[in-house]
Amino acid sequence: MIALPDTLCDLNGELLPLSQAKVSVLDRGFIFGDGVYEAIPVYGRRLFRFDDHMARLSRNLDKLRIPAPMGRDAWLARARRLIAEQAADDQFLYLQVTRGVAMRDHVMPVGVEPTVFMMSNPMKPVPGDLRHQGVACVSARDVRWERGDLKCTSLLGNVLARQISADVGAAETILFRDGAHGGPWLTEGASSNVWIVHEGALLGPLMNEHVLEGIRVGVLRELCEELGIAFNLRPISEADVRAADEILLSSSGKEVLAVTRLDGDLVGHGAMRGKPGPVYGRLYEAYQGAKREQSI
């Protein structure tokens, strides 16, 4: 049995050790994966892009027809209370809302109180050597369900996809899906958004039902505008990815990370082949400034 840390968590408003937190086996999060979540970076005990995370949480609760358990200010107060109880200054706050406890039935129950869980763990930054060298990724067909836009707790498809890369020591699995107009088209990574650089422009796939709109989509759009880097969301073919000047990953934990190998092949061209590229370097540095300026 894996030993759980003795850090405090928040379960339905009560602070208690993580090892003592318990939910009913009839909670629909356990039975159906019927819930949503957010994972928010915390830098110097300040929450990064908190309002963006709350807006996405609200959208996903509405899509699943789960009543919002509290408003923005109450979320902020609860989050800050929990963050203050942790030892680390840089943390990773996880919050989850499930539909709540009810007898097992596929039909959504009415009048059930949502279950709210929050925990915060020390931030695990990307090691410096990987920042300098870039990471390896592998590709796979995106065989998950059709609602990748929902940040829900039903993540088995993502778990299976991530394990493909974990099994070969790679950092991420980049997913491609066939569509009505051919393909394969880039969707996202198992736990990241995926970007390419072509002729100095940052390109990402369209934010549709197959792609989770990560908070960093908005962050990178703003940073590109500040830096004078062209930014565009459009269909990206697998051939586009394999011919890219640079490939980047973005997520709350990775921030922005350069991919230098894909399926064993070096990414990029000329002197920068197999190395983190200049657009990555500019965006990463700008992201560090955004962390200081956009946290509350």
C-alpha atoms as a PDB file:
ATOM      1  CA  MET A   1       0.000   0.000   0.000  1.00  0.00           C
ATOM      2  CA  ILE A   2       1.280   3.458  -0.903  1.00  0.00           C
ATOM      3  CA  ALA A   3       1.627   5.692   2.157  1.00  0.00           C
ATOM      4  CA  LEU A   4      -0.317   8.935   1.839  1.00  0.00           C
ATOM      5  CA  PRO A   5       1.227  12.205   3.034  1.00  0.00           C
ATOM      6  CA  ASP A   6      -0.058  13.750   6.252  1.00  0.00           C
ATOM      7  CA  THR A   7      -0.771  17.087   4.571  1.00  0.00           C
ATOM      8  CA  LEU A   8      -4.183  18.625   5.069  1.00  0.00           C
ATOM      9  CA  CYS A   9      -6.880  18.545   2.413  1.00  0.00           C
ATOM     10  CA  ASP A  10     -10.334  20.079   2.211  1.00  0.00           C
ATOM     11  CA  LEU A  11     -13.313  17.733   1.901  1.00  0.00           C
ATOM     12  CA  ASN A  12     -16.681  19.487   1.792  1.00  0.00           C
ATOM     13  CA  GLY A  13     -15.253  22.431   3.730  1.00  0.00           C
ATOM     14  CA  GLU A  14     -13.527  20.414   6.457  1.00  0.00           C
ATOM     15  CA  LEU A  15      -9.736  20.482   6.781  1.00  0.00           C
ATOM     16  CA  LEU A  16      -8.375  17.047   7.631  1.00  0.00           C
ATOM     17  CA  PRO A  17      -5.300  14.904   6.910  1.00  0.00           C
ATOM     18  CA  LEU A  18      -5.321  13.490   3.401  1.00  0.00           C
ATOM     19  CA  SER A  19      -5.029   9.943   4.773  1.00  0.00           C
ATOM     20  CA  GLN A  20      -8.288  10.424   6.692  1.00  0.00           C
ATOM     21  CA  ALA A  21     -10.405  11.859   3.855  1.00  0.00           C
ATOM     22  CA  LYS A  22     -13.232   9.495   2.922  1.00  0.00           C
ATOM     23  CA  VAL A  23     -16.114   9.598   0.432  1.00  0.00           C
ATOM     24  CA  SER A  24     -19.058   7.250  -0.024  1.00  0.00           C
ATOM     25  CA  VAL A  25     -18.703   4.311  -2.416  1.00  0.00           C
ATOM     26  CA  LEU A  26     -21.981   5.612  -3.891  1.00  0.00           C
ATOM     27  CA  ASP A  27     -20.441   8.951  -4.800  1.00  0.00           C
ATOM     28  CA  ARG A  28     -21.034   9.348  -8.530  1.00  0.00           C
ATOM     29  CA  GLY A  29     -17.424  10.390  -8.971  1.00  0.00           C
ATOM     30  CA  PHE A  30     -16.430   6.885  -7.837  1.00  0.00           C
ATOM     31  CA  ILE A  31     -19.216   5.006  -9.651  1.00  0.00           C
ATOM     32  CA  PHE A  32     -19.337   6.933 -12.950  1.00  0.00           C
ATOM     33  CA  GLY A  33     -16.431   9.379 -12.987  1.00  0.00           C
ATOM     34  CA  ASP A  34     -19.248  11.937 -12.881  1.00  0.00           C
ATOM     35  CA  GLY A  35     -17.381  15.096 -11.970  1.00  0.00           C
ATOM     36  CA  VAL A  36     -15.061  17.884 -13.079  1.00  0.00           C
ATOM     37  CA  TYR A  37     -11.727  19.163 -11.812  1.00  0.00           C
ATOM     38  CA  GLU A  38      -9.180  21.948 -12.055  1.00  0.00           C
ATOM     39  CA  ALA A  39      -5.451  21.971 -11.338  1.00  0.00           C
ATOM     40  CA  ILE A  40      -4.071  25.421 -10.538  1.00  0.00           C
ATOM     41  CA  PRO A  41      -0.378  26.339 -10.240  1.00  0.00           C
ATOM     42  CA  VAL A  42       0.551  28.254  -7.111  1.00  0.00           C
ATOM     43  CA  TYR A  43       3.701  30.396  -7.206  1.00  0.00           C
ATOM     44  CA  GLY A  44       4.891  31.993  -3.966  1.00  0.00           C
ATOM     45  CA  ARG A  45       1.527  30.987  -2.414  1.00  0.00           C
ATOM     46  CA  ARG A  46      -0.325  32.966  -5.089  1.00  0.00           C
ATOM     47  CA  LEU A  47      -2.747  31.321  -7.547  1.00  0.00           C
ATOM     48  CA  PHE A  48      -1.888  31.683 -11.242  1.00  0.00           C
ATOM     49  CA  ARG A  49      -4.737  32.772 -13.558  1.00  0.00           C
ATOM     50  CA  PHE A  50      -7.259  31.889 -10.857  1.00  0.00           C
ATOM     51  CA  ASP A  51     -10.210  33.560 -12.559  1.00  0.00           C
ATOM     52  CA  ASP A  52      -9.526  31.708 -15.824  1.00  0.00           C
ATOM     53  CA  HIS A  53      -9.580  28.415 -13.951  1.00  0.00           C
ATOM     54  CA  MET A  54     -12.819  29.368 -12.200  1.00  0.00           C
ATOM     55  CA  ALA A  55     -14.420  30.348 -15.503  1.00  0.00           C
ATOM     56  CA  ARG A  56     -13.519  26.978 -17.030  1.00  0.00           C
ATOM     57  CA  LEU A  57     -14.765  25.154 -13.928  1.00  0.00           C
ATOM     58  CA  SER A  58     -18.079  26.992 -14.215  1.00  0.00           C
ATOM     59  CA  ARG A  59     -18.390  26.120 -17.917  1.00  0.00           C
ATOM     60  CA  ASN A  60     -17.751  22.449 -17.248  1.00  0.00           C
ATOM     61  CA  LEU A  61     -20.164  22.292 -14.318  1.00  0.00           C
ATOM     62  CA  ASP A  62     -22.830  23.814 -16.565  1.00  0.00           C
ATOM     63  CA  LYS A  63     -22.115  21.327 -19.368  1.00  0.00           C
ATOM     64  CA  LEU A  64     -22.513  18.407 -16.942  1.00  0.00           C
ATOM     65  CA  ARG A  65     -25.490  20.047 -15.206  1.00  0.00           C
ATOM     66  CA  ILE A  66     -23.808  19.874 -11.807  1.00  0.00           C
ATOM     67  CA  PRO A  67     -24.925  22.778  -9.581  1.00  0.00           C
ATOM     68  CA  ALA A  68     -22.095  25.125  -8.639  1.00  0.00           C
ATOM     69  CA  PRO A  69     -21.275  24.435  -4.971  1.00  0.00           C
ATOM     70  CA  MET A  70     -20.040  27.979  -4.287  1.00  0.00           C
ATOM     71  CA  GLY A  71     -19.076  31.239  -5.920  1.00  0.00           C
ATOM     72  CA  ARG A  72     -15.703  32.646  -6.949  1.00  0.00           C
ATOM     73  CA  ASP A  73     -14.898  34.403  -3.655  1.00  0.00           C
ATOM     74  CA  ALA A  74     -15.720  31.327  -1.586  1.00  0.00           C
ATOM     75  CA  TRP A  75     -13.496  29.190  -3.814  1.00  0.00           C
ATOM     76  CA  LEU A  76     -10.675  31.698  -3.392  1.00  0.00           C
ATOM     77  CA  ALA A  77     -11.037  31.792   0.390  1.00  0.00           C
ATOM     78  CA  ARG A  78     -11.073  27.990   0.653  1.00  0.00           C
ATOM     79  CA  ALA A  79      -8.093  27.667  -1.694  1.00  0.00           C
ATOM     80  CA  ARG A  80      -6.038  30.258   0.213  1.00  0.00           C
ATOM     81  CA  ARG A  81      -6.848  28.589   3.528  1.00  0.00           C
ATOM     82  CA  LEU A  82      -5.586  25.251   2.228  1.00  0.00           C
ATOM     83  CA  ILE A  83      -2.493  26.747   0.575  1.00  0.00           C
ATOM     84  CA  ALA A  84      -1.551  28.418   3.872  1.00  0.00           C
ATOM     85  CA  GLU A  85      -1.490  25.011   5.578  1.00  0.00           C
ATOM     86  CA  GLN A  86       1.160  23.589   3.224  1.00  0.00           C
ATOM     87  CA  ALA A  87       4.922  23.833   3.748  1.00  0.00           C
ATOM     88  CA  ALA A  88       5.941  24.665   0.168  1.00  0.00           C
ATOM     89  CA  ASP A  89       5.640  28.136  -1.358  1.00  0.00           C
ATOM     90  CA  ASP A  90       5.182  26.754  -4.894  1.00  0.00           C
ATOM     91  CA  GLN A  91       2.280  24.320  -5.008  1.00  0.00           C
ATOM     92  CA  PHE A  92      -0.130  22.545  -7.304  1.00  0.00           C
ATOM     93  CA  LEU A  93      -3.732  22.982  -6.156  1.00  0.00           C
ATOM     94  CA  TYR A  94      -6.192  20.292  -7.262  1.00  0.00           C
ATOM     95  CA  LEU A  95      -9.928  20.770  -6.834  1.00  0.00           C
ATOM     96  CA  GLN A  96     -12.690  18.378  -7.813  1.00  0.00           C
ATOM     97  CA  VAL A  97     -16.473  18.561  -7.818  1.00  0.00           C
ATOM     98  CA  THR A  98     -18.562  15.432  -8.301  1.00  0.00           C
ATOM     99  CA  ARG A  99     -22.330  15.260  -8.653  1.00  0.00           C
ATOM    100  CA  GLY A 100     -22.537  13.764  -5.158  1.00  0.00           C
ATOM    101  CA  VAL A 101     -23.905  10.660  -3.469  1.00  0.00           C
ATOM    102  CA  ALA A 102     -26.939   8.833  -4.857  1.00  0.00           C
ATOM    103  CA  MET A 103     -28.095   5.284  -5.526  1.00  0.00           C
ATOM    104  CA  ARG A 104     -26.524   3.973  -8.703  1.00  0.00           C
ATOM    105  CA  ASP A 105     -28.580   5.033 -11.712  1.00  0.00           C
ATOM    106  CA  HIS A 106     -27.414   6.364 -15.063  1.00  0.00           C
ATOM    107  CA  VAL A 107     -30.030   9.144 -14.906  1.00  0.00           C
ATOM    108  CA  MET A 108     -28.725  12.307 -13.251  1.00  0.00           C
ATOM    109  CA  PRO A 109     -30.290  12.596  -9.791  1.00  0.00           C
ATOM    110  CA  VAL A 110     -32.027  15.788  -8.713  1.00  0.00           C
ATOM    111  CA  GLY A 111     -31.440  17.551  -5.405  1.00  0.00           C
ATOM    112  CA  VAL A 112     -28.074  15.916  -4.641  1.00  0.00           C
ATOM    113  CA  GLU A 113     -25.370  17.971  -2.927  1.00  0.00           C
ATOM    114  CA  PRO A 114     -22.082  17.977  -4.870  1.00  0.00           C
ATOM    115  CA  THR A 115     -18.954  16.563  -3.251  1.00  0.00           C
ATOM    116  CA  VAL A 116     -16.104  19.097  -3.134  1.00  0.00           C
ATOM    117  CA  PHE A 117     -12.507  17.970  -2.631  1.00  0.00           C
ATOM    118  CA  MET A 118      -9.323  20.051  -2.639  1.00  0.00           C
ATOM    119  CA  MET A 119      -5.682  19.189  -2.037  1.00  0.00           C
ATOM    120  CA  SER A 120      -2.417  20.997  -2.646  1.00  0.00           C
ATOM    121  CA  ASN A 121       0.977  19.381  -3.172  1.00  0.00           C
ATOM    122  CA  PRO A 122       4.480  20.795  -3.665  1.00  0.00           C
ATOM    123  CA  MET A 123       5.146  21.911  -7.243  1.00  0.00           C
ATOM    124  CA  LYS A 124       7.437  19.569  -9.152  1.00  0.00           C
ATOM    125  CA  PRO A 125       9.155  21.778 -11.719  1.00  0.00           C
ATOM    126  CA  VAL A 126      10.518  20.374 -14.964  1.00  0.00           C
ATOM    127  CA  PRO A 127      14.208  19.510 -14.339  1.00  0.00           C
ATOM    128  CA  GLY A 128      16.675  22.019 -15.732  1.00  0.00           C
ATOM    129  CA  ASP A 129      18.354  19.489 -18.043  1.00  0.00           C
ATOM    130  CA  LEU A 130      15.026  18.802 -19.768  1.00  0.00           C
ATOM    131  CA  ARG A 131      14.448  22.532 -20.153  1.00  0.00           C
ATOM    132  CA  HIS A 132      17.856  22.770 -21.833  1.00  0.00           C
ATOM    133  CA  GLN A 133      17.656  19.622 -23.965  1.00  0.00           C
ATOM    134  CA  GLY A 134      13.946  19.306 -24.676  1.00  0.00           C
ATOM    135  CA  VAL A 135      11.926  16.126 -24.259  1.00  0.00           C
ATOM    136  CA  ALA A 136      11.025  13.093 -26.307  1.00  0.00           C
ATOM    137  CA  CYS A 137       7.425  12.306 -27.249  1.00  0.00           C
ATOM    138  CA  VAL A 138       5.669   9.523 -29.113  1.00  0.00           C
ATOM    139  CA  SER A 139       2.527   9.678 -31.228  1.00  0.00           C
ATOM    140  CA  ALA A 140      -0.664   7.631 -31.112  1.00  0.00           C
ATOM    141  CA  ARG A 141      -4.148   7.639 -32.585  1.00  0.00           C
ATOM    142  CA  ASP A 142      -6.662   9.520 -30.469  1.00  0.00           C
ATOM    143  CA  VAL A 143      -9.231   6.842 -29.609  1.00  0.00           C
ATOM    144  CA  ARG A 144     -10.764   8.634 -26.621  1.00  0.00           C
ATOM    145  CA  TRP A 145     -14.413   9.685 -26.507  1.00  0.00           C
ATOM    146  CA  GLU A 146     -15.683  12.649 -28.516  1.00  0.00           C
ATOM    147  CA  ARG A 147     -15.839  15.170 -25.651  1.00  0.00           C
ATOM    148  CA  GLY A 148     -12.223  16.007 -25.037  1.00  0.00           C
ATOM    149  CA  ASP A 149     -13.331  19.590 -24.330  1.00  0.00           C
ATOM    150  CA  LEU A 150     -14.737  18.546 -20.946  1.00  0.00           C
ATOM    151  CA  LYS A 151     -12.258  18.674 -18.054  1.00  0.00           C
ATOM    152  CA  CYS A 152     -13.977  15.807 -16.298  1.00  0.00           C
ATOM    153  CA  THR A 153     -12.730  13.131 -13.942  1.00  0.00           C
ATOM    154  CA  SER A 154     -13.415  10.341 -16.480  1.00  0.00           C
ATOM    155  CA  LEU A 155      -9.782  10.230 -17.589  1.00  0.00           C
ATOM    156  CA  LEU A 156      -9.193   6.556 -18.426  1.00  0.00           C
ATOM    157  CA  GLY A 157      -8.627   7.358 -22.109  1.00  0.00           C
ATOM    158  CA  ASN A 158      -5.975   9.910 -21.162  1.00  0.00           C
ATOM    159  CA  VAL A 159      -4.389   7.479 -18.698  1.00  0.00           C
ATOM    160  CA  LEU A 160      -4.084   4.819 -21.406  1.00  0.00           C
ATOM    161  CA  ALA A 161      -2.653   7.351 -23.838  1.00  0.00           C
ATOM    162  CA  ARG A 162      -0.090   8.655 -21.344  1.00  0.00           C
ATOM    163  CA  GLN A 163       0.999   5.113 -20.487  1.00  0.00           C
ATOM    164  CA  ILE A 164       2.033   4.596 -24.126  1.00  0.00           C
ATOM    165  CA  SER A 165       4.763   7.213 -23.684  1.00  0.00           C
ATOM    166  CA  ALA A 166       5.585   6.227 -20.102  1.00  0.00           C
ATOM    167  CA  ASP A 167       6.289   2.667 -21.238  1.00  0.00           C
ATOM    168  CA  VAL A 168       9.105   3.891 -23.505  1.00  0.00           C
ATOM    169  CA  GLY A 169      10.451   6.621 -21.217  1.00  0.00           C
ATOM    170  CA  ALA A 170       8.976   9.520 -23.207  1.00  0.00           C
ATOM    171  CA  ALA A 171       7.475  12.657 -21.711  1.00  0.00           C
ATOM    172  CA  GLU A 172       4.128  12.736 -23.510  1.00  0.00           C
ATOM    173  CA  THR A 173       1.902  11.059 -26.086  1.00  0.00           C
ATOM    174  CA  ILE A 174       0.864  13.363 -28.944  1.00  0.00           C
ATOM    175  CA  LEU A 175      -2.530  12.366 -30.310  1.00  0.00           C
ATOM    176  CA  PHE A 176      -3.942  12.452 -33.844  1.00  0.00           C
ATOM    177  CA  ARG A 177      -7.530  11.816 -34.919  1.00  0.00           C
ATOM    178  CA  ASP A 178      -9.089  11.174 -38.314  1.00  0.00           C
ATOM    179  CA  GLY A 179     -11.936  13.491 -39.200  1.00  0.00           C
ATOM    180  CA  ALA A 180     -14.660  14.252 -41.695  1.00  0.00           C
ATOM    181  CA  HIS A 181     -12.152  16.041 -43.905  1.00  0.00           C
ATOM    182  CA  GLY A 182      -9.389  13.486 -43.850  1.00  0.00           C
ATOM    183  CA  GLY A 183      -6.537  13.558 -41.413  1.00  0.00           C
ATOM    184  CA  PRO A 184      -4.963  12.481 -39.229  1.00  0.00           C
ATOM    185  CA  TRP A 185      -5.286  15.826 -37.450  1.00  0.00           C
ATOM    186  CA  LEU A 186      -3.493  16.922 -34.295  1.00  0.00           C
ATOM    187  CA  THR A 187      -5.735  17.088 -31.228  1.00  0.00           C
ATOM    188  CA  GLU A 188      -3.622  17.335 -28.066  1.00  0.00           C
ATOM    189  CA  GLY A 189      -1.373  15.366 -25.746  1.00  0.00           C
ATOM    190  CA  ALA A 190      -2.501  12.909 -23.095  1.00  0.00           C
ATOM    191  CA  SER A 191      -2.096  15.661 -20.479  1.00  0.00           C
ATOM    192  CA  SER A 192      -0.952  18.703 -22.478  1.00  0.00           C
ATOM    193  CA  ASN A 193      -1.893  21.045 -25.251  1.00  0.00           C
ATOM    194  CA  VAL A 194       0.414  20.672 -28.280  1.00  0.00           C
ATOM    195  CA  TRP A 195       1.765  23.458 -30.502  1.00  0.00           C
ATOM    196  CA  ILE A 196       3.951  23.722 -33.546  1.00  0.00           C
ATOM    197  CA  VAL A 197       6.094  26.559 -34.865  1.00  0.00           C
ATOM    198  CA  HIS A 198       6.080  27.177 -38.600  1.00  0.00           C
ATOM    199  CA  GLU A 199       8.026  30.083 -40.134  1.00  0.00           C
ATOM    200  CA  GLY A 200       8.118  31.855 -36.778  1.00  0.00           C
ATOM    201  CA  ALA A 201       4.383  31.532 -36.046  1.00  0.00           C
ATOM    202  CA  LEU A 202       2.887  29.573 -33.162  1.00  0.00           C
ATOM    203  CA  LEU A 203       0.109  27.304 -34.390  1.00  0.00           C
ATOM    204  CA  GLY A 204      -2.336  25.215 -32.394  1.00  0.00           C
ATOM    205  CA  PRO A 205      -5.323  23.041 -33.286  1.00  0.00           C
ATOM    206  CA  LEU A 206      -8.813  24.496 -33.240  1.00  0.00           C
ATOM    207  CA  MET A 207     -10.479  24.417 -29.827  1.00  0.00           C
ATOM    208  CA  ASN A 208     -13.369  22.055 -30.541  1.00  0.00           C
ATOM    209  CA  GLU A 209     -15.030  19.077 -28.854  1.00  0.00           C
ATOM    210  CA  HIS A 210     -11.876  16.971 -29.289  1.00  0.00           C
ATOM    211  CA  VAL A 211      -9.519  19.384 -27.542  1.00  0.00           C
ATOM    212  CA  LEU A 212      -9.430  20.712 -23.983  1.00  0.00           C
ATOM    213  CA  GLU A 213      -8.904  24.463 -24.024  1.00  0.00           C
ATOM    214  CA  GLY A 214      -6.045  24.673 -21.569  1.00  0.00           C
ATOM    215  CA  ILE A 215      -5.595  27.870 -19.574  1.00  0.00           C
ATOM    216  CA  ARG A 216      -2.234  28.228 -21.294  1.00  0.00           C
ATOM    217  CA  VAL A 217      -3.999  28.701 -24.653  1.00  0.00           C
ATOM    218  CA  GLY A 218      -5.031  32.139 -23.470  1.00  0.00           C
ATOM    219  CA  VAL A 219      -1.674  32.740 -21.793  1.00  0.00           C
ATOM    220  CA  LEU A 220       0.276  31.908 -24.958  1.00  0.00           C
ATOM    221  CA  ARG A 221      -2.046  34.002 -27.115  1.00  0.00           C
ATOM    222  CA  GLU A 222      -1.347  37.015 -24.899  1.00  0.00           C
ATOM    223  CA  LEU A 223       2.395  36.357 -24.751  1.00  0.00           C
ATOM    224  CA  CYS A 224       2.591  36.020 -28.535  1.00  0.00           C
ATOM    225  CA  GLU A 225       0.828  39.352 -28.919  1.00  0.00           C
ATOM    226  CA  GLU A 226       3.284  40.984 -26.506  1.00  0.00           C
ATOM    227  CA  LEU A 227       6.300  39.438 -28.257  1.00  0.00           C
ATOM    228  CA  GLY A 228       5.135  40.053 -31.823  1.00  0.00           C
ATOM    229  CA  ILE A 229       4.859  36.333 -32.587  1.00  0.00           C
ATOM    230  CA  ALA A 230       2.084  35.365 -34.995  1.00  0.00           C
ATOM    231  CA  PHE A 231      -0.534  33.134 -33.326  1.00  0.00           C
ATOM    232  CA  ASN A 232      -3.163  31.040 -35.068  1.00  0.00           C
ATOM    233  CA  LEU A 233      -5.517  28.180 -34.241  1.00  0.00           C
ATOM    234  CA  ARG A 234      -6.303  26.016 -37.261  1.00  0.00           C
ATOM    235  CA  PRO A 235      -6.440  22.358 -38.338  1.00  0.00           C
ATOM    236  CA  ILE A 236      -2.928  20.896 -38.104  1.00  0.00           C
ATOM    237  CA  SER A 237      -2.160  17.690 -39.967  1.00  0.00           C
ATOM    238  CA  GLU A 238       0.195  14.999 -38.771  1.00  0.00           C
ATOM    239  CA  ALA A 239       2.455  15.923 -41.689  1.00  0.00           C
ATOM    240  CA  ASP A 240       2.534  19.530 -40.411  1.00  0.00           C
ATOM    241  CA  VAL A 241       3.666  18.318 -36.989  1.00  0.00           C
ATOM    242  CA  ARG A 242       6.418  16.103 -38.362  1.00  0.00           C
ATOM    243  CA  ALA A 243       7.703  18.919 -40.588  1.00  0.00           C
ATOM    244  CA  ALA A 244       7.502  21.620 -37.886  1.00  0.00           C
ATOM    245  CA  ASP A 245      10.360  23.932 -37.005  1.00  0.00           C
ATOM    246  CA  GLU A 246       9.500  23.464 -33.326  1.00  0.00           C
ATOM    247  CA  ILE A 247       7.002  21.436 -31.283  1.00  0.00           C
ATOM    248  CA  LEU A 248       5.888  22.676 -27.862  1.00  0.00           C
ATOM    249  CA  LEU A 249       3.820  21.291 -25.014  1.00  0.00           C
ATOM    250  CA  SER A 250       1.885  23.441 -22.550  1.00  0.00           C
ATOM    251  CA  SER A 251       0.136  22.531 -19.319  1.00  0.00           C
ATOM    252  CA  SER A 252      -0.162  23.760 -15.750  1.00  0.00           C
ATOM    253  CA  GLY A 253       2.779  21.590 -14.672  1.00  0.00           C
ATOM    254  CA  LYS A 254       4.959  21.771 -17.783  1.00  0.00           C
ATOM    255  CA  GLU A 255       4.262  25.481 -18.342  1.00  0.00           C
ATOM    256  CA  VAL A 256       5.856  25.612 -21.827  1.00  0.00           C
ATOM    257  CA  LEU A 257       8.199  22.788 -22.823  1.00  0.00           C
ATOM    258  CA  ALA A 258      10.134  22.051 -26.010  1.00  0.00           C
ATOM    259  CA  VAL A 259       9.788  18.689 -27.773  1.00  0.00           C
ATOM    260  CA  THR A 260      13.030  17.788 -29.534  1.00  0.00           C
ATOM    261  CA  ARG A 261      12.294  14.178 -30.529  1.00  0.00           C
ATOM    262  CA  LEU A 262       9.075  12.644 -31.851  1.00  0.00           C
ATOM    263  CA  ASP A 263       8.894   8.885 -32.392  1.00  0.00           C
ATOM    264  CA  GLY A 264      12.686   8.817 -32.333  1.00  0.00           C
ATOM    265  CA  ASP A 265      13.118  11.488 -35.033  1.00  0.00           C
ATOM    266  CA  LEU A 266      14.742  14.838 -34.257  1.00  0.00           C
ATOM    267  CA  VAL A 267      12.429  17.860 -34.435  1.00  0.00           C
ATOM    268  CA  GLY A 268      13.356  20.934 -36.464  1.00  0.00           C
ATOM    269  CA  HIS A 269      15.767  21.853 -39.208  1.00  0.00           C
ATOM    270  CA  GLY A 270      19.337  22.977 -39.748  1.00  0.00           C
ATOM    271  CA  ALA A 271      21.432  24.010 -36.769  1.00  0.00           C
ATOM    272  CA  MET A 272      18.399  23.876 -34.418  1.00  0.00           C
ATOM    273  CA  ARG A 273      17.458  20.316 -35.315  1.00  0.00           C
ATOM    274  CA  GLY A 274      16.937  18.345 -32.119  1.00  0.00           C
ATOM    275  CA  LYS A 275      17.296  21.447 -29.918  1.00  0.00           C
ATOM    276  CA  PRO A 276      14.797  23.750 -28.183  1.00  0.00           C
ATOM    277  CA  GLY A 277      14.054  26.529 -30.670  1.00  0.00           C
ATOM    278  CA  PRO A 278      13.998  30.324 -30.442  1.00  0.00           C
ATOM    279  CA  VAL A 279      10.214  30.700 -30.209  1.00  0.00           C
ATOM    280  CA  TYR A 280      10.163  28.301 -27.270  1.00  0.00           C
ATOM    281  CA  GLY A 281      12.941  30.275 -25.587  1.00  0.00           C
ATOM    282  CA  ARG A 282      11.122  33.594 -25.924  1.00  0.00           C
ATOM    283  CA  LEU A 283       7.795  32.164 -24.743  1.00  0.00           C
ATOM    284  CA  TYR A 284       9.335  30.397 -21.761  1.00  0.00           C
ATOM    285  CA  GLU A 285      11.071  33.543 -20.553  1.00  0.00           C
ATOM    286  CA  ALA A 286       7.900  35.601 -21.023  1.00  0.00           C
ATOM    287  CA  TYR A 287       5.912  32.950 -19.158  1.00  0.00           C
ATOM    288  CA  GLN A 288       8.138  33.396 -16.102  1.00  0.00           C
ATOM    289  CA  GLY A 289       7.220  37.068 -16.038  1.00  0.00           C
ATOM    290  CA  ALA A 290       3.529  36.233 -16.416  1.00  0.00           C
ATOM    291  CA  LYS A 291       3.722  33.963 -13.367  1.00  0.00           C
ATOM    292  CA  ARG A 292       4.767  36.911 -11.240  1.00  0.00           C
ATOM    293  CA  GLU A 293       2.268  39.347 -12.716  1.00  0.00           C
ATOM    294  CA  GLN A 294      -0.869  37.185 -13.094  1.00  0.00           C
ATOM    295  CA  SER A 295      -1.093  35.408  -9.732  1.00  0.00           C
ATOM    296  CA  ILE A 296      -3.348  36.457  -6.849  1.00  0.00           C
END
